[in-house]
Amino acid sequence: MRIHTIAVNLALVLAPAAALAAVPAPHLAETSFNQLAQPLPYPYNETANATHDVNAALARAKAAHKLLLIDMGGNWCGDCRVLAGTMELPDLAPFVARHYEVVLVDVGRFTKNMDIAKRFGASAPRGVPAVLVIDPRTGKLIDNGRTENLADARSMTPQVLADWLAQWVK
């Protein structure tokens, strides 16, 4: 395991108690990765109107009292594909659906839709996947400074990803 991965996993696990969620993450079996769809999905619609999709998802999140999760990435990115597949795991998908309105935004090769991050007060991503968690009531980014924590998703366990998602849910 690479040193960077260890540091990222520790940073996610050892988050300050104040940042931890009131809602616990679902417990995922260590074998959850075996349930990932094969081949991994190509989840990003490369021809979508990202601004329209984000606006629609923001409205749905606000109406449903959920958080908005903007997953910025590309189909060329293995970590992006693993993250998207992990969020669809049978043990995690219901949790995600209950607490988040998810919209996937294709960034090409960092050549398009970079304004989406800036709209919510984040800098344009330097790595993907970049995950923006937005409070739809205020339109504010709540995972500021942590939007690229999942950029090494393929070397994280599904439980670490679930815990990361759960920490924002109140």
Protein backbone atom coordinates (compact mmCIF):
# COMPACT_ATOMS: atom_id res chain seq x y z
CA MET A 1 0.00 0.00 0.00
CA ARG A 2 1.37 3.39 -0.90
CA ILE A 3 2.20 5.93 1.79
CA HIS A 4 -0.23 8.45 0.26
CA THR A 5 -3.09 5.94 0.48
CA ILE A 6 -2.29 5.21 4.11
CA ALA A 7 -2.29 8.94 4.88
CA VAL A 8 -5.60 9.50 3.08
CA ASN A 9 -7.24 6.53 4.81
CA LEU A 10 -5.98 7.71 8.21
CA ALA A 11 -7.16 11.26 7.54
CA LEU A 12 -10.61 9.96 6.67
CA VAL A 13 -10.81 7.62 9.65
CA LEU A 14 -9.33 10.03 12.18
CA ALA A 15 -11.50 13.01 11.22
CA PRO A 16 -12.27 15.37 14.09
CA ALA A 17 -15.18 14.17 16.20
CA ALA A 18 -17.12 17.35 15.43
CA ALA A 19 -17.03 16.49 11.72
CA LEU A 20 -18.33 12.97 12.24
CA ALA A 21 -21.87 12.27 11.25
CA ALA A 22 -24.81 11.88 13.54
CA VAL A 23 -25.96 9.22 11.08
CA PRO A 24 -23.68 6.16 11.04
CA ALA A 25 -22.42 4.74 7.78
CA PRO A 26 -23.79 1.37 6.78
CA HIS A 27 -21.51 -1.51 7.67
CA LEU A 28 -20.06 -2.96 4.49
CA ALA A 29 -18.55 -6.41 4.26
CA GLU A 30 -14.87 -6.63 3.41
CA THR A 31 -15.90 -8.57 0.33
CA SER A 32 -18.02 -5.67 -0.99
CA PHE A 33 -15.50 -4.94 -3.75
CA ASN A 34 -16.34 -8.38 -5.14
CA GLN A 35 -19.85 -7.04 -5.81
CA LEU A 36 -18.69 -4.21 -8.08
CA ALA A 37 -20.19 -4.42 -11.55
CA GLN A 38 -17.78 -5.90 -14.06
CA PRO A 39 -16.65 -4.28 -16.14
CA LEU A 40 -16.79 -1.08 -14.13
CA PRO A 41 -19.36 1.42 -15.39
CA TYR A 42 -18.58 4.42 -17.57
CA PRO A 43 -20.78 6.65 -15.43
CA TYR A 44 -20.09 10.13 -16.83
CA ASN A 45 -22.27 11.40 -19.65
CA GLU A 46 -19.76 13.19 -21.83
CA THR A 47 -22.44 15.11 -23.77
CA ALA A 48 -24.64 16.15 -20.84
CA ASN A 49 -25.43 19.76 -20.04
CA ALA A 50 -23.73 19.79 -16.63
CA THR A 51 -25.14 23.15 -15.55
CA HIS A 52 -28.68 21.96 -16.26
CA ASP A 53 -28.07 18.63 -14.51
CA VAL A 54 -26.59 20.30 -11.42
CA ASN A 55 -29.45 22.83 -11.24
CA ALA A 56 -32.04 20.04 -11.49
CA ALA A 57 -30.25 17.92 -8.87
CA LEU A 58 -29.95 20.94 -6.55
CA ALA A 59 -33.70 21.54 -6.81
CA ARG A 60 -34.45 17.85 -6.12
CA ALA A 61 -32.06 17.82 -3.14
CA LYS A 62 -33.67 20.91 -1.66
CA ALA A 63 -37.19 19.54 -2.10
CA ALA A 64 -36.24 16.15 -0.61
CA HIS A 65 -34.16 17.62 2.26
CA LYS A 66 -31.05 15.77 1.08
CA LEU A 67 -27.48 16.85 0.50
CA LEU A 68 -26.30 17.39 -3.05
CA LEU A 69 -23.29 15.29 -4.03
CA ILE A 70 -21.54 16.43 -7.20
CA ASP A 71 -19.14 13.76 -8.44
CA MET A 72 -16.74 15.41 -10.88
CA GLY A 73 -14.68 13.01 -12.95
CA GLY A 74 -14.18 11.25 -16.23
CA ASN A 75 -14.71 7.85 -17.76
CA TRP A 76 -10.95 7.60 -18.39
CA CYS A 77 -10.30 7.70 -14.63
CA GLY A 78 -10.16 4.35 -12.83
CA ASP A 79 -10.69 5.94 -9.42
CA CYS A 80 -13.80 7.73 -10.72
CA ARG A 81 -15.23 4.50 -12.05
CA VAL A 82 -14.50 2.66 -8.79
CA LEU A 83 -16.16 5.44 -6.76
CA ALA A 84 -19.27 5.38 -8.96
CA GLY A 85 -19.43 1.59 -8.76
CA THR A 86 -18.93 1.59 -5.00
CA MET A 87 -21.81 4.03 -4.49
CA GLU A 88 -24.01 1.52 -6.36
CA LEU A 89 -23.11 -1.44 -4.13
CA PRO A 90 -26.26 -3.05 -2.68
CA ASP A 91 -25.16 -2.30 0.90
CA LEU A 92 -24.32 1.36 0.19
CA ALA A 93 -26.78 2.46 -2.52
CA PRO A 94 -29.80 2.77 -0.17
CA PHE A 95 -27.78 4.97 2.23
CA VAL A 96 -26.63 7.20 -0.63
CA ALA A 97 -30.17 7.45 -2.04
CA ARG A 98 -31.62 8.28 1.39
CA HIS A 99 -29.17 11.09 2.16
CA TYR A 100 -27.88 12.43 -1.16
CA GLU A 101 -29.04 13.62 -4.51
CA VAL A 102 -26.14 12.57 -6.73
CA VAL A 103 -25.14 14.19 -10.01
CA LEU A 104 -22.14 13.12 -12.05
CA VAL A 105 -20.29 15.79 -14.00
CA ASP A 106 -17.83 14.92 -16.75
CA VAL A 107 -14.74 17.15 -16.67
CA GLY A 108 -13.15 15.73 -19.82
CA ARG A 109 -9.39 15.97 -19.37
CA PHE A 110 -9.90 18.96 -17.06
CA THR A 111 -11.17 20.87 -20.09
CA LYS A 112 -14.87 21.31 -19.34
CA ASN A 113 -17.36 21.97 -16.56
CA MET A 114 -14.64 23.28 -14.24
CA ASP A 115 -16.90 26.25 -13.46
CA ILE A 116 -19.22 23.92 -11.51
CA ALA A 117 -16.74 23.67 -8.63
CA LYS A 118 -16.12 27.43 -8.64
CA ARG A 119 -19.87 28.08 -8.49
CA PHE A 120 -19.96 26.45 -5.06
CA GLY A 121 -16.77 28.05 -3.72
CA ALA A 122 -14.33 25.24 -4.50
CA SER A 123 -11.26 25.60 -6.62
CA ALA A 124 -11.26 23.78 -9.94
CA PRO A 125 -10.26 20.18 -9.28
CA ARG A 126 -6.65 19.19 -9.89
CA GLY A 127 -7.47 15.53 -9.41
CA VAL A 128 -10.53 13.36 -9.87
CA PRO A 129 -12.82 12.17 -8.63
CA ALA A 130 -13.54 15.46 -6.94
CA VAL A 131 -16.63 15.21 -4.76
CA LEU A 132 -18.49 18.33 -3.73
CA VAL A 133 -21.02 17.98 -0.92
CA ILE A 134 -23.45 20.90 -1.00
CA ASP A 135 -26.07 22.01 1.51
CA PRO A 136 -28.96 22.78 -0.88
CA ARG A 137 -30.62 25.16 1.59
CA THR A 138 -27.66 27.53 1.47
CA GLY A 139 -25.94 26.47 -1.73
CA LYS A 140 -22.71 26.23 0.28
CA LEU A 141 -19.96 23.66 -0.05
CA ILE A 142 -19.70 21.73 3.22
CA ASP A 143 -16.70 19.52 2.42
CA ASN A 144 -14.43 22.47 1.67
CA GLY A 145 -10.81 21.42 1.61
CA ARG A 146 -11.75 17.76 1.26
CA THR A 147 -13.22 17.62 -2.22
CA GLU A 148 -10.32 15.55 -3.55
CA ASN A 149 -10.10 13.11 -0.62
CA LEU A 150 -11.50 10.31 -2.77
CA ALA A 151 -9.07 10.79 -5.68
CA ASP A 152 -7.43 7.50 -4.69
CA ALA A 153 -10.74 5.62 -4.44
CA ARG A 154 -9.49 2.39 -5.98
CA SER A 155 -7.13 1.80 -3.07
CA MET A 156 -9.75 2.52 -0.39
CA THR A 157 -12.09 -0.04 1.03
CA PRO A 158 -15.81 0.39 0.44
CA GLN A 159 -16.17 0.97 4.20
CA VAL A 160 -13.78 3.94 4.09
CA LEU A 161 -15.81 5.41 1.23
CA ALA A 162 -19.05 4.81 3.16
CA ASP A 163 -17.59 6.47 6.26
CA TRP A 164 -16.48 9.47 4.19
CA LEU A 165 -19.99 9.88 2.80
CA ALA A 166 -21.59 9.45 6.23
CA GLN A 167 -19.53 12.17 7.90
CA TRP A 168 -21.47 14.92 6.13
CA VAL A 169 -24.93 13.62 6.99
CA LYS A 170 -26.44 15.24 10.07
